[in-house]
PDB file of N, CA and C in Angstrom:
ATOM      1  N   MET A   1      21.175 126.158  33.064  1.00  0.00           N
ATOM      2  CA  MET A   1      22.145 126.174  34.140  1.00  0.00           C
ATOM      3  C   MET A   1      21.416 126.538  35.437  1.00  0.00           C
ATOM      4  N   HIS A   2      21.774 125.851  36.497  1.00  0.00           N
ATOM      5  CA  HIS A   2      21.153 126.074  37.796  1.00  0.00           C
ATOM      6  C   HIS A   2      22.216 126.466  38.818  1.00  0.00           C
ATOM      7  N   PRO A   3      21.798 127.231  39.850  1.00  0.00           N
ATOM      8  CA  PRO A   3      22.759 127.608  40.890  1.00  0.00           C
ATOM      9  C   PRO A   3      23.295 126.389  41.626  1.00  0.00           C
ATOM     10  N   LYS A   4      24.544 126.492  42.037  1.00  0.00           N
ATOM     11  CA  LYS A   4      25.177 125.432  42.816  1.00  0.00           C
ATOM     12  C   LYS A   4      24.964 125.670  44.314  1.00  0.00           C
ATOM     13  N   TYR A   5      24.894 126.952  44.700  1.00  0.00           N
ATOM     14  CA  TYR A   5      24.806 127.318  46.115  1.00  0.00           C
ATOM     15  C   TYR A   5      23.463 127.961  46.438  1.00  0.00           C
ATOM     16  N   LYS A   6      23.053 127.835  47.698  1.00  0.00           N
ATOM     17  CA  LYS A   6      21.806 128.444  48.164  1.00  0.00           C
ATOM     18  C   LYS A   6      21.940 129.960  48.176  1.00  0.00           C
ATOM     19  N   HIS A   7      20.869 130.627  47.764  1.00  0.00           N
ATOM     20  CA  HIS A   7      20.805 132.082  47.825  1.00  0.00           C
ATOM     21  C   HIS A   7      19.401 132.438  48.264  1.00  0.00           C
ATOM     22  N   ASP A   8      19.281 133.215  49.341  1.00  0.00           N
ATOM     23  CA  ASP A   8      17.976 133.386  49.983  1.00  0.00           C
ATOM     24  C   ASP A   8      17.162 134.590  49.522  1.00  0.00           C
ATOM     25  N   CYS A   9      17.626 135.347  48.553  1.00  0.00           N
ATOM     26  CA  CYS A   9      16.863 136.502  48.064  1.00  0.00           C
ATOM     27  C   CYS A   9      16.048 136.083  46.842  1.00  0.00           C
ATOM     28  N   THR A  10      14.743 136.145  46.963  1.00  0.00           N
ATOM     29  CA  THR A  10      13.878 135.711  45.862  1.00  0.00           C
ATOM     30  C   THR A  10      13.820 136.740  44.730  1.00  0.00           C
ATOM     31  N   ALA A  11      14.272 137.968  44.973  1.00  0.00           N
ATOM     32  CA  ALA A  11      14.272 139.000  43.931  1.00  0.00           C
ATOM     33  C   ALA A  11      15.471 138.881  42.996  1.00  0.00           C
ATOM     34  N   CYS A  12      16.529 138.241  43.454  1.00  0.00           N
ATOM     35  CA  CYS A  12      17.759 138.141  42.660  1.00  0.00           C
ATOM     36  C   CYS A  12      17.567 137.249  41.440  1.00  0.00           C
ATOM     37  N   GLU A  13      18.278 137.606  40.366  1.00  0.00           N
ATOM     38  CA  GLU A  13      18.245 136.843  39.124  1.00  0.00           C
ATOM     39  C   GLU A  13      19.570 136.102  38.974  1.00  0.00           C
ATOM     40  N   PHE A  14      19.501 134.783  38.827  1.00  0.00           N
ATOM     41  CA  PHE A  14      20.690 133.977  38.635  1.00  0.00           C
ATOM     42  C   PHE A  14      21.207 134.193  37.220  1.00  0.00           C
ATOM     43  N   LYS A  15      22.500 134.528  37.089  1.00  0.00           N
ATOM     44  CA  LYS A  15      23.101 134.802  35.783  1.00  0.00           C
ATOM     45  C   LYS A  15      23.963 133.662  35.274  1.00  0.00           C
ATOM     46  N   GLY A  16      24.418 132.808  36.171  1.00  0.00           N
ATOM     47  CA  GLY A  16      25.228 131.680  35.740  1.00  0.00           C
ATOM     48  C   GLY A  16      26.304 131.341  36.741  1.00  0.00           C
ATOM     49  N   HIS A  17      27.003 130.284  36.435  1.00  0.00           N
ATOM     50  CA  HIS A  17      28.099 129.805  37.278  1.00  0.00           C
ATOM     51  C   HIS A  17      29.390 130.149  36.540  1.00  0.00           C
ATOM     52  N   PHE A  18      30.129 131.139  37.055  1.00  0.00           N
ATOM     53  CA  PHE A  18      31.319 131.643  36.401  1.00  0.00           C
ATOM     54  C   PHE A  18      32.515 131.560  37.331  1.00  0.00           C
ATOM     55  N   ASN A  19      33.596 130.995  36.853  1.00  0.00           N
ATOM     56  CA  ASN A  19      34.868 131.026  37.580  1.00  0.00           C
ATOM     57  C   ASN A  19      34.737 130.469  39.001  1.00  0.00           C
ATOM     58  N   GLY A  20      33.873 129.467  39.168  1.00  0.00           N
ATOM     59  CA  GLY A  20      33.695 128.846  40.474  1.00  0.00           C
ATOM     60  C   GLY A  20      32.653 129.502  41.353  1.00  0.00           C
ATOM     61  N   PHE A  21      31.987 130.532  40.869  1.00  0.00           N
ATOM     62  CA  PHE A  21      30.993 131.267  41.653  1.00  0.00           C
ATOM     63  C   PHE A  21      29.621 131.184  40.995  1.00  0.00           C
ATOM     64  N   ASP A  22      28.565 131.166  41.816  1.00  0.00           N
ATOM     65  CA  ASP A  22      27.226 131.452  41.324  1.00  0.00           C
ATOM     66  C   ASP A  22      27.118 132.968  41.300  1.00  0.00           C
ATOM     67  N   VAL A  23      26.686 133.526  40.174  1.00  0.00           N
ATOM     68  CA  VAL A  23      26.590 134.975  40.071  1.00  0.00           C
ATOM     69  C   VAL A  23      25.122 135.364  39.920  1.00  0.00           C
ATOM     70  N   TRP A  24      24.727 136.328  40.744  1.00  0.00           N
ATOM     71  CA  TRP A  24      23.363 136.821  40.802  1.00  0.00           C
ATOM     72  C   TRP A  24      23.364 138.328  40.606  1.00  0.00           C
ATOM     73  N   VAL A  25      22.272 138.866  40.064  1.00  0.00           N
ATOM     74  CA  VAL A  25      22.065 140.311  40.028  1.00  0.00           C
ATOM     75  C   VAL A  25      20.777 140.587  40.786  1.00  0.00           C
ATOM     76  N   CYS A  26      20.870 141.495  41.742  1.00  0.00           N
ATOM     77  CA  CYS A  26      19.702 141.898  42.524  1.00  0.00           C
ATOM     78  C   CYS A  26      19.148 143.175  41.896  1.00  0.00           C
ATOM     79  N   PRO A  27      17.913 143.130  41.389  1.00  0.00           N
ATOM     80  CA  PRO A  27      17.348 144.272  40.677  1.00  0.00           C
ATOM     81  C   PRO A  27      16.683 145.295  41.597  1.00  0.00           C
ATOM     82  N   SER A  28      17.316 145.617  42.711  1.00  0.00           N
ATOM     83  CA  SER A  28      16.748 146.595  43.648  1.00  0.00           C
ATOM     84  C   SER A  28      16.898 148.002  43.076  1.00  0.00           C
ATOM     85  N   LYS A  29      16.559 149.026  43.870  1.00  0.00           N
ATOM     86  CA  LYS A  29      16.721 150.414  43.423  1.00  0.00           C
ATOM     87  C   LYS A  29      18.153 150.686  42.982  1.00  0.00           C
ATOM     88  N   ARG A  30      19.090 150.074  43.664  1.00  0.00           N
ATOM     89  CA  ARG A  30      20.512 150.173  43.300  1.00  0.00           C
ATOM     90  C   ARG A  30      20.998 148.752  43.023  1.00  0.00           C
ATOM     91  N   PRO A  31      20.868 148.279  41.775  1.00  0.00           N
ATOM     92  CA  PRO A  31      21.195 146.886  41.467  1.00  0.00           C
ATOM     93  C   PRO A  31      22.590 146.481  41.941  1.00  0.00           C
ATOM     94  N   SER A  32      22.655 145.281  42.486  1.00  0.00           N
ATOM     95  CA  SER A  32      23.908 144.728  42.989  1.00  0.00           C
ATOM     96  C   SER A  32      24.246 143.459  42.232  1.00  0.00           C
ATOM     97  N   ILE A  33      25.519 143.153  42.205  1.00  0.00           N
ATOM     98  CA  ILE A  33      25.991 141.912  41.611  1.00  0.00           C
ATOM     99  C   ILE A  33      26.661 141.104  42.716  1.00  0.00           C
ATOM    100  N   ILE A  34      26.287 139.839  42.805  1.00  0.00           N
ATOM    101  CA  ILE A  34      26.716 138.979  43.900  1.00  0.00           C
ATOM    102  C   ILE A  34      27.427 137.759  43.329  1.00  0.00           C
ATOM    103  N   ALA A  35      28.572 137.434  43.899  1.00  0.00           N
ATOM    104  CA  ALA A  35      29.295 136.216  43.540  1.00  0.00           C
ATOM    105  C   ALA A  35      29.308 135.327  44.776  1.00  0.00           C
ATOM    106  N   ARG A  36      28.589 134.220  44.721  1.00  0.00           N
ATOM    107  CA  ARG A  36      28.448 133.319  45.872  1.00  0.00           C
ATOM    108  C   ARG A  36      29.319 132.091  45.662  1.00  0.00           C
ATOM    109  N   ALA A  37      30.146 131.779  46.696  1.00  0.00           N
ATOM    110  CA  ALA A  37      31.085 130.660  46.610  1.00  0.00           C
ATOM    111  C   ALA A  37      30.750 129.535  47.579  1.00  0.00           C
ATOM    112  N   GLY A  38      29.606 129.625  48.233  1.00  0.00           N
ATOM    113  CA  GLY A  38      29.211 128.589  49.172  1.00  0.00           C
ATOM    114  C   GLY A  38      27.836 128.874  49.733  1.00  0.00           C
ATOM    115  N   ASP A  39      27.344 127.950  50.559  1.00  0.00           N
ATOM    116  CA  ASP A  39      25.999 128.056  51.117  1.00  0.00           C
ATOM    117  C   ASP A  39      25.905 128.899  52.383  1.00  0.00           C
ATOM    118  N   THR A  40      27.016 129.125  53.071  1.00  0.00           N
ATOM    119  CA  THR A  40      26.955 129.869  54.327  1.00  0.00           C
ATOM    120  C   THR A  40      26.674 131.346  54.054  1.00  0.00           C
ATOM    121  N   PRO A  41      26.000 132.024  54.987  1.00  0.00           N
ATOM    122  CA  PRO A  41      25.590 133.415  54.761  1.00  0.00           C
ATOM    123  C   PRO A  41      26.723 134.367  54.355  1.00  0.00           C
ATOM    124  N   GLY A  42      27.920 134.205  54.884  1.00  0.00           N
ATOM    125  CA  GLY A  42      28.999 135.131  54.580  1.00  0.00           C
ATOM    126  C   GLY A  42      29.909 134.709  53.433  1.00  0.00           C
ATOM    127  N   ASN A  43      29.526 133.678  52.706  1.00  0.00           N
ATOM    128  CA  ASN A  43      30.403 133.147  51.666  1.00  0.00           C
ATOM    129  C   ASN A  43      30.071 133.742  50.294  1.00  0.00           C
ATOM    130  N   TYR A  44      30.176 135.069  50.211  1.00  0.00           N
ATOM    131  CA  TYR A  44      29.891 135.761  48.956  1.00  0.00           C
ATOM    132  C   TYR A  44      30.583 137.116  48.935  1.00  0.00           C
ATOM    133  N   ALA A  45      30.648 137.719  47.759  1.00  0.00           N
ATOM    134  CA  ALA A  45      31.121 139.090  47.590  1.00  0.00           C
ATOM    135  C   ALA A  45      30.038 139.835  46.827  1.00  0.00           C
ATOM    136  N   CYS A  46      29.850 141.096  47.169  1.00  0.00           N
ATOM    137  CA  CYS A  46      28.768 141.880  46.575  1.00  0.00           C
ATOM    138  C   CYS A  46      29.250 143.308  46.317  1.00  0.00           C
ATOM    139  N   ASN A  47      28.741 143.895  45.237  1.00  0.00           N
ATOM    140  CA  ASN A  47      29.045 145.276  44.919  1.00  0.00           C
ATOM    141  C   ASN A  47      27.908 145.816  44.064  1.00  0.00           C
ATOM    142  N   SER A  48      27.767 147.130  44.011  1.00  0.00           N
ATOM    143  CA  SER A  48      26.734 147.690  43.145  1.00  0.00           C
ATOM    144  C   SER A  48      27.186 147.545  41.693  1.00  0.00           C
ATOM    145  N   VAL A  49      26.230 147.229  40.829  1.00  0.00           N
ATOM    146  CA  VAL A  49      26.530 147.110  39.406  1.00  0.00           C
ATOM    147  C   VAL A  49      27.075 148.440  38.899  1.00  0.00           C
ATOM    148  N   GLU A  50      26.446 149.526  39.324  1.00  0.00           N
ATOM    149  CA  GLU A  50      26.857 150.863  38.874  1.00  0.00           C
ATOM    150  C   GLU A  50      28.320 151.156  39.219  1.00  0.00           C
ATOM    151  N   MET A  51      28.719 150.835  40.446  1.00  0.00           N
ATOM    152  CA  MET A  51      30.088 151.106  40.866  1.00  0.00           C
ATOM    153  C   MET A  51      31.090 150.283  40.047  1.00  0.00           C
ATOM    154  N   PHE A  52      30.776 149.019  39.840  1.00  0.00           N
ATOM    155  CA  PHE A  52      31.672 148.137  39.082  1.00  0.00           C
ATOM    156  C   PHE A  52      31.781 148.606  37.630  1.00  0.00           C
ATOM    157  N   VAL A  53      30.645 148.906  37.000  1.00  0.00           N
ATOM    158  CA  VAL A  53      30.642 149.362  35.604  1.00  0.00           C
ATOM    159  C   VAL A  53      31.332 150.715  35.482  1.00  0.00           C
ATOM    160  N   ASP A  54      31.073 151.616  36.429  1.00  0.00           N
ATOM    161  CA  ASP A  54      31.740 152.922  36.401  1.00  0.00           C
ATOM    162  C   ASP A  54      33.247 152.777  36.529  1.00  0.00           C
ATOM    163  N   GLY A  55      33.694 151.837  37.347  1.00  0.00           N
ATOM    164  CA  GLY A  55      35.127 151.590  37.468  1.00  0.00           C
ATOM    165  C   GLY A  55      35.744 151.208  36.143  1.00  0.00           C
ATOM    166  N   ILE A  56      35.019 150.407  35.373  1.00  0.00           N
ATOM    167  CA  ILE A  56      35.501 149.992  34.052  1.00  0.00           C
ATOM    168  C   ILE A  56      35.447 151.165  33.069  1.00  0.00           C
ATOM    169  N   LYS A  57      34.277 151.829  32.999  1.00  0.00           N
ATOM    170  CA  LYS A  57      34.097 152.940  32.051  1.00  0.00           C
ATOM    171  C   LYS A  57      35.085 154.073  32.298  1.00  0.00           C
ATOM    172  N   ASN A  58      35.226 154.448  33.565  1.00  0.00           N
ATOM    173  CA  ASN A  58      36.069 155.593  33.916  1.00  0.00           C
ATOM    174  C   ASN A  58      37.538 155.222  34.061  1.00  0.00           C
ATOM    175  N   ASN A  59      37.822 153.936  33.975  1.00  0.00           N
ATOM    176  CA  ASN A  59      39.184 153.421  34.098  1.00  0.00           C
ATOM    177  C   ASN A  59      39.873 153.976  35.348  1.00  0.00           C
ATOM    178  N   GLU A  60      39.162 153.861  36.468  1.00  0.00           N
ATOM    179  CA  GLU A  60      39.670 154.367  37.735  1.00  0.00           C
ATOM    180  C   GLU A  60      40.836 153.529  38.241  1.00  0.00           C
ATOM    181  N   ASP A  61      41.577 154.095  39.177  1.00  0.00           N
ATOM    182  CA  ASP A  61      42.650 153.354  39.830  1.00  0.00           C
ATOM    183  C   ASP A  61      42.069 152.352  40.815  1.00  0.00           C
ATOM    184  N   ILE A  62      42.705 151.202  40.919  1.00  0.00           N
ATOM    185  CA  ILE A  62      42.323 150.195  41.917  1.00  0.00           C
ATOM    186  C   ILE A  62      43.598 149.707  42.589  1.00  0.00           C
ATOM    187  N   GLY A  63      43.516 149.550  43.903  1.00  0.00           N
ATOM    188  CA  GLY A  63      44.663 149.050  44.648  1.00  0.00           C
ATOM    189  C   GLY A  63      44.863 147.569  44.411  1.00  0.00           C
ATOM    190  N   ILE A  64      46.130 147.174  44.227  1.00  0.00           N
ATOM    191  CA  ILE A  64      46.436 145.763  43.982  1.00  0.00           C
ATOM    192  C   ILE A  64      47.357 145.195  45.060  1.00  0.00           C
ATOM    193  N   GLY A  65      47.494 145.909  46.160  1.00  0.00           N
ATOM    194  CA  GLY A  65      48.316 145.440  47.275  1.00  0.00           C
ATOM    195  C   GLY A  65      49.673 146.111  47.330  1.00  0.00           C
ATOM    196  N   ASP A  66      50.262 146.090  48.503  1.00  0.00           N
ATOM    197  CA  ASP A  66      51.582 146.684  48.732  1.00  0.00           C
ATOM    198  C   ASP A  66      51.646 148.148  48.306  1.00  0.00           C
ATOM    199  N   GLY A  67      50.526 148.870  48.410  1.00  0.00           N
ATOM    200  CA  GLY A  67      50.486 150.284  48.060  1.00  0.00           C
ATOM    201  C   GLY A  67      50.493 150.557  46.563  1.00  0.00           C
ATOM    202  N   LYS A  68      50.410 149.515  45.744  1.00  0.00           N
ATOM    203  CA  LYS A  68      50.426 149.682  44.291  1.00  0.00           C
ATOM    204  C   LYS A  68      49.007 149.834  43.762  1.00  0.00           C
ATOM    205  N   VAL A  69      48.892 150.595  42.682  1.00  0.00           N
ATOM    206  CA  VAL A  69      47.606 150.774  42.004  1.00  0.00           C
ATOM    207  C   VAL A  69      47.798 150.554  40.513  1.00  0.00           C
ATOM    208  N   MET A  70      46.702 150.246  39.853  1.00  0.00           N
ATOM    209  CA  MET A  70      46.722 150.174  38.395  1.00  0.00           C
ATOM    210  C   MET A  70      45.359 150.605  37.887  1.00  0.00           C
ATOM    211  N   LYS A  71      45.259 150.921  36.623  1.00  0.00           N
ATOM    212  CA  LYS A  71      43.992 151.315  36.016  1.00  0.00           C
ATOM    213  C   LYS A  71      43.060 150.103  35.985  1.00  0.00           C
ATOM    214  N   PHE A  72      41.774 150.358  36.212  1.00  0.00           N
ATOM    215  CA  PHE A  72      40.792 149.286  36.342  1.00  0.00           C
ATOM    216  C   PHE A  72      40.758 148.384  35.112  1.00  0.00           C
ATOM    217  N   GLN A  73      40.791 148.970  33.914  1.00  0.00           N
ATOM    218  CA  GLN A  73      40.726 148.156  32.696  1.00  0.00           C
ATOM    219  C   GLN A  73      41.939 147.235  32.582  1.00  0.00           C
ATOM    220  N   ASP A  74      43.093 147.720  32.981  1.00  0.00           N
ATOM    221  CA  ASP A  74      44.285 146.869  32.985  1.00  0.00           C
ATOM    222  C   ASP A  74      44.164 145.784  34.049  1.00  0.00           C
ATOM    223  N   TYR A  75      43.628 146.158  35.201  1.00  0.00           N
ATOM    224  CA  TYR A  75      43.457 145.226  36.319  1.00  0.00           C
ATOM    225  C   TYR A  75      42.572 144.044  35.923  1.00  0.00           C
ATOM    226  N   ILE A  76      41.447 144.326  35.268  1.00  0.00           N
ATOM    227  CA  ILE A  76      40.476 143.281  34.903  1.00  0.00           C
ATOM    228  C   ILE A  76      41.132 142.170  34.095  1.00  0.00           C
ATOM    229  N   PHE A  77      42.107 142.517  33.258  1.00  0.00           N
ATOM    230  CA  PHE A  77      42.744 141.525  32.397  1.00  0.00           C
ATOM    231  C   PHE A  77      44.136 141.123  32.879  1.00  0.00           C
ATOM    232  N   SER A  78      44.426 141.420  34.136  1.00  0.00           N
ATOM    233  CA  SER A  78      45.752 141.096  34.670  1.00  0.00           C
ATOM    234  C   SER A  78      45.702 139.902  35.618  1.00  0.00           C
ATOM    235  N   GLU A  79      46.874 139.436  36.014  1.00  0.00           N
ATOM    236  CA  GLU A  79      46.974 138.349  36.993  1.00  0.00           C
ATOM    237  C   GLU A  79      46.575 138.816  38.388  1.00  0.00           C
ATOM    238  N   HIS A  80      46.411 140.125  38.591  1.00  0.00           N
ATOM    239  CA  HIS A  80      46.023 140.664  39.891  1.00  0.00           C
ATOM    240  C   HIS A  80      44.509 140.622  40.117  1.00  0.00           C
ATOM    241  N   CYS A  81      43.743 140.438  39.056  1.00  0.00           N
ATOM    242  CA  CYS A  81      42.285 140.447  39.158  1.00  0.00           C
ATOM    243  C   CYS A  81      41.811 139.276  40.016  1.00  0.00           C
ATOM    244  N   ILE A  82      41.037 139.586  41.045  1.00  0.00           N
ATOM    245  CA  ILE A  82      40.548 138.533  41.935  1.00  0.00           C
ATOM    246  C   ILE A  82      39.390 137.784  41.271  1.00  0.00           C
ATOM    247  N   ASP A  83      39.216 136.545  41.684  1.00  0.00           N
ATOM    248  CA  ASP A  83      38.268 135.657  41.007  1.00  0.00           C
ATOM    249  C   ASP A  83      36.845 136.187  40.980  1.00  0.00           C
ATOM    250  N   TYR A  84      36.357 136.795  42.065  1.00  0.00           N
ATOM    251  CA  TYR A  84      34.963 137.237  42.004  1.00  0.00           C
ATOM    252  C   TYR A  84      34.799 138.432  41.079  1.00  0.00           C
ATOM    253  N   HIS A  85      35.831 139.246  40.859  1.00  0.00           N
ATOM    254  CA  HIS A  85      35.730 140.308  39.852  1.00  0.00           C
ATOM    255  C   HIS A  85      35.664 139.710  38.454  1.00  0.00           C
ATOM    256  N   LYS A  86      36.399 138.656  38.195  1.00  0.00           N
ATOM    257  CA  LYS A  86      36.320 137.968  36.899  1.00  0.00           C
ATOM    258  C   LYS A  86      34.909 137.417  36.686  1.00  0.00           C
ATOM    259  N   ALA A  87      34.347 136.834  37.729  1.00  0.00           N
ATOM    260  CA  ALA A  87      32.988 136.288  37.639  1.00  0.00           C
ATOM    261  C   ALA A  87      31.983 137.395  37.376  1.00  0.00           C
ATOM    262  N   TRP A  88      32.123 138.531  38.064  1.00  0.00           N
ATOM    263  CA  TRP A  88      31.208 139.656  37.829  1.00  0.00           C
ATOM    264  C   TRP A  88      31.297 140.131  36.391  1.00  0.00           C
ATOM    265  N   LEU A  89      32.510 140.240  35.869  1.00  0.00           N
ATOM    266  CA  LEU A  89      32.709 140.713  34.499  1.00  0.00           C
ATOM    267  C   LEU A  89      32.017 139.780  33.519  1.00  0.00           C
ATOM    268  N   LEU A  90      32.185 138.476  33.697  1.00  0.00           N
ATOM    269  CA  LEU A  90      31.521 137.516  32.820  1.00  0.00           C
ATOM    270  C   LEU A  90      30.007 137.602  32.933  1.00  0.00           C
ATOM    271  N   ALA A  91      29.505 137.800  34.141  1.00  0.00           N
ATOM    272  CA  ALA A  91      28.059 137.907  34.333  1.00  0.00           C
ATOM    273  C   ALA A  91      27.515 139.160  33.682  1.00  0.00           C
ATOM    274  N   LEU A  92      28.225 140.267  33.783  1.00  0.00           N
ATOM    275  CA  LEU A  92      27.759 141.509  33.146  1.00  0.00           C
ATOM    276  C   LEU A  92      27.731 141.369  31.638  1.00  0.00           C
ATOM    277  N   ALA A  93      28.617 140.571  31.093  1.00  0.00           N
ATOM    278  CA  ALA A  93      28.638 140.361  29.644  1.00  0.00           C
ATOM    279  C   ALA A  93      27.387 139.615  29.187  1.00  0.00           C
ATOM    280  N   THR A  94      26.708 138.912  30.088  1.00  0.00           N
ATOM    281  CA  THR A  94      25.510 138.160  29.723  1.00  0.00           C
ATOM    282  C   THR A  94      24.226 138.929  30.009  1.00  0.00           C
ATOM    283  N   ARG A  95      24.338 140.136  30.551  1.00  0.00           N
ATOM    284  CA  ARG A  95      23.138 140.925  30.883  1.00  0.00           C
ATOM    285  C   ARG A  95      22.378 141.344  29.664  1.00  0.00           C
TER     286      ARG A  95
END
């Protein structure tokens, strides 16, 4: 599998194309997970792997709009889960 979109960091590792996104992991001092949806510089979402995994492990609250919150584990498998979070979850499963 090859990336669909351009990504300019040579240190990043391509993990696959999930849910419409190219997903990369940057192995820096604080590894990040990136979901890229296009070639333009701002067409991506990024978060630290540690923060995302901790959210799942600790089952923290996450806002889902209109002042509502739900537990992270419930959120991941709900209709409220945004597409790049689904892509990150699938990419982490392949690590």
